[in-house]
Amino acid sequence: MKYLLIILVIGLVFFMLGFKRSRPGVKPPAPPPAPPAPPAVPQHIVSCAHCGLHLPQSEALPGLGGVFCSAAHRAAHEAGKAP
């Protein structure tokens, strides 16, 4: 009787360990995915009045003869130097 009780206790321990392993663990909920970035807004493209380089209007430098790609080209164009 004593051995039967020991065997039952050992069997119950193994059963509980197996049952606990077979259950999926409780996982914290995954964070929601980040919203997609808004698409880039198209920019107006202009060309440098001195060398003809095309660049976005937001990067162009205004001058007396139009828009320019750099301060050096603006100064050269305003001084009347050819490219």
C-alpha atoms as a PDB file:
ATOM      1  CA  MET A   1       0.000   0.000   0.000  1.00  0.00           C
ATOM      2  CA  LYS A   2       2.815   2.316   0.878  1.00  0.00           C
ATOM      3  CA  TYR A   3       4.564   1.656  -2.454  1.00  0.00           C
ATOM      4  CA  LEU A   4       1.332   2.166  -4.385  1.00  0.00           C
ATOM      5  CA  LEU A   5       0.907   5.610  -2.799  1.00  0.00           C
ATOM      6  CA  ILE A   6       4.515   6.561  -3.684  1.00  0.00           C
ATOM      7  CA  ILE A   7       3.997   5.401  -7.291  1.00  0.00           C
ATOM      8  CA  LEU A   8       0.760   7.426  -7.531  1.00  0.00           C
ATOM      9  CA  VAL A   9       2.468  10.576  -6.184  1.00  0.00           C
ATOM     10  CA  ILE A  10       5.378  10.182  -8.613  1.00  0.00           C
ATOM     11  CA  GLY A  11       2.942   9.579 -11.484  1.00  0.00           C
ATOM     12  CA  LEU A  12       0.950  12.654 -10.515  1.00  0.00           C
ATOM     13  CA  VAL A  13       4.130  14.780 -10.484  1.00  0.00           C
ATOM     14  CA  PHE A  14       5.107  13.550 -13.970  1.00  0.00           C
ATOM     15  CA  PHE A  15       1.558  14.133 -15.225  1.00  0.00           C
ATOM     16  CA  MET A  16       1.541  17.706 -13.911  1.00  0.00           C
ATOM     17  CA  LEU A  17       4.961  18.452 -15.430  1.00  0.00           C
ATOM     18  CA  GLY A  18       3.874  17.080 -18.809  1.00  0.00           C
ATOM     19  CA  PHE A  19       0.586  18.976 -18.670  1.00  0.00           C
ATOM     20  CA  LYS A  20       2.370  22.220 -17.815  1.00  0.00           C
ATOM     21  CA  ARG A  21       4.847  21.812 -20.687  1.00  0.00           C
ATOM     22  CA  SER A  22       2.173  21.090 -23.253  1.00  0.00           C
ATOM     23  CA  ARG A  23       0.225  24.282 -22.473  1.00  0.00           C
ATOM     24  CA  PRO A  24       1.348  27.310 -24.442  1.00  0.00           C
ATOM     25  CA  GLY A  25       2.763  30.002 -22.228  1.00  0.00           C
ATOM     26  CA  VAL A  26       0.907  33.202 -21.721  1.00  0.00           C
ATOM     27  CA  LYS A  27       2.600  35.782 -23.919  1.00  0.00           C
ATOM     28  CA  PRO A  28       2.158  39.505 -23.524  1.00  0.00           C
ATOM     29  CA  PRO A  29       0.218  41.051 -26.396  1.00  0.00           C
ATOM     30  CA  ALA A  30       2.346  42.242 -29.277  1.00  0.00           C
ATOM     31  CA  PRO A  31       2.548  46.003 -29.689  1.00  0.00           C
ATOM     32  CA  PRO A  32       0.478  47.306 -32.581  1.00  0.00           C
ATOM     33  CA  PRO A  33       2.452  47.863 -35.776  1.00  0.00           C
ATOM     34  CA  ALA A  34       3.613  51.403 -36.400  1.00  0.00           C
ATOM     35  CA  PRO A  35       1.507  53.301 -38.911  1.00  0.00           C
ATOM     36  CA  PRO A  36       3.152  53.571 -42.322  1.00  0.00           C
ATOM     37  CA  ALA A  37       4.990  56.786 -43.057  1.00  0.00           C
ATOM     38  CA  PRO A  38       3.076  59.194 -45.245  1.00  0.00           C
ATOM     39  CA  PRO A  39       4.295  59.246 -48.846  1.00  0.00           C
ATOM     40  CA  ALA A  40       6.761  61.953 -49.731  1.00  0.00           C
ATOM     41  CA  VAL A  41       5.192  65.033 -51.250  1.00  0.00           C
ATOM     42  CA  PRO A  42       6.481  65.670 -54.798  1.00  0.00           C
ATOM     43  CA  GLN A  43       8.645  68.766 -55.051  1.00  0.00           C
ATOM     44  CA  HIS A  44       8.878  71.218 -57.895  1.00  0.00           C
ATOM     45  CA  ILE A  45      12.171  70.812 -59.783  1.00  0.00           C
ATOM     46  CA  VAL A  46      14.058  73.877 -61.010  1.00  0.00           C
ATOM     47  CA  SER A  47      17.311  74.267 -62.904  1.00  0.00           C
ATOM     48  CA  CYS A  48      20.277  76.394 -61.944  1.00  0.00           C
ATOM     49  CA  ALA A  49      20.401  79.564 -64.077  1.00  0.00           C
ATOM     50  CA  HIS A  50      24.198  79.288 -64.241  1.00  0.00           C
ATOM     51  CA  CYS A  51      24.974  75.613 -64.938  1.00  0.00           C
ATOM     52  CA  GLY A  52      21.557  74.052 -65.647  1.00  0.00           C
ATOM     53  CA  LEU A  53      21.697  71.533 -62.805  1.00  0.00           C
ATOM     54  CA  HIS A  54      18.218  70.285 -61.845  1.00  0.00           C
ATOM     55  CA  LEU A  55      17.429  70.370 -58.124  1.00  0.00           C
ATOM     56  CA  PRO A  56      14.376  70.585 -55.822  1.00  0.00           C
ATOM     57  CA  GLN A  57      13.063  74.102 -55.376  1.00  0.00           C
ATOM     58  CA  SER A  58      13.468  73.767 -51.592  1.00  0.00           C
ATOM     59  CA  GLU A  59      17.264  73.429 -52.060  1.00  0.00           C
ATOM     60  CA  ALA A  60      17.656  76.192 -54.676  1.00  0.00           C
ATOM     61  CA  LEU A  61      19.085  79.610 -53.799  1.00  0.00           C
ATOM     62  CA  PRO A  62      17.186  82.588 -55.232  1.00  0.00           C
ATOM     63  CA  GLY A  63      19.155  85.299 -57.016  1.00  0.00           C
ATOM     64  CA  LEU A  64      18.808  88.200 -59.442  1.00  0.00           C
ATOM     65  CA  GLY A  65      18.829  86.021 -62.567  1.00  0.00           C
ATOM     66  CA  GLY A  66      16.773  83.079 -61.310  1.00  0.00           C
ATOM     67  CA  VAL A  67      17.551  80.231 -58.937  1.00  0.00           C
ATOM     68  CA  PHE A  68      20.956  78.673 -58.378  1.00  0.00           C
ATOM     69  CA  CYS A  69      22.444  75.423 -57.052  1.00  0.00           C
ATOM     70  CA  SER A  70      25.113  77.154 -54.934  1.00  0.00           C
ATOM     71  CA  ALA A  71      26.181  80.543 -53.656  1.00  0.00           C
ATOM     72  CA  ALA A  72      29.245  80.417 -55.923  1.00  0.00           C
ATOM     73  CA  HIS A  73      27.097  79.971 -59.031  1.00  0.00           C
ATOM     74  CA  ARG A  74      24.792  82.777 -57.904  1.00  0.00           C
ATOM     75  CA  ALA A  75      27.761  85.115 -57.442  1.00  0.00           C
ATOM     76  CA  ALA A  76      29.335  84.086 -60.746  1.00  0.00           C
ATOM     77  CA  HIS A  77      26.068  84.563 -62.652  1.00  0.00           C
ATOM     78  CA  GLU A  78      25.431  87.969 -61.072  1.00  0.00           C
ATOM     79  CA  ALA A  79      29.028  88.999 -61.889  1.00  0.00           C
ATOM     80  CA  GLY A  80      28.402  88.048 -65.524  1.00  0.00           C
ATOM     81  CA  LYS A  81      30.843  85.138 -65.739  1.00  0.00           C
ATOM     82  CA  ALA A  82      29.945  82.301 -68.123  1.00  0.00           C
ATOM     83  CA  PRO A  83      29.996  78.722 -66.793  1.00  0.00           C
END
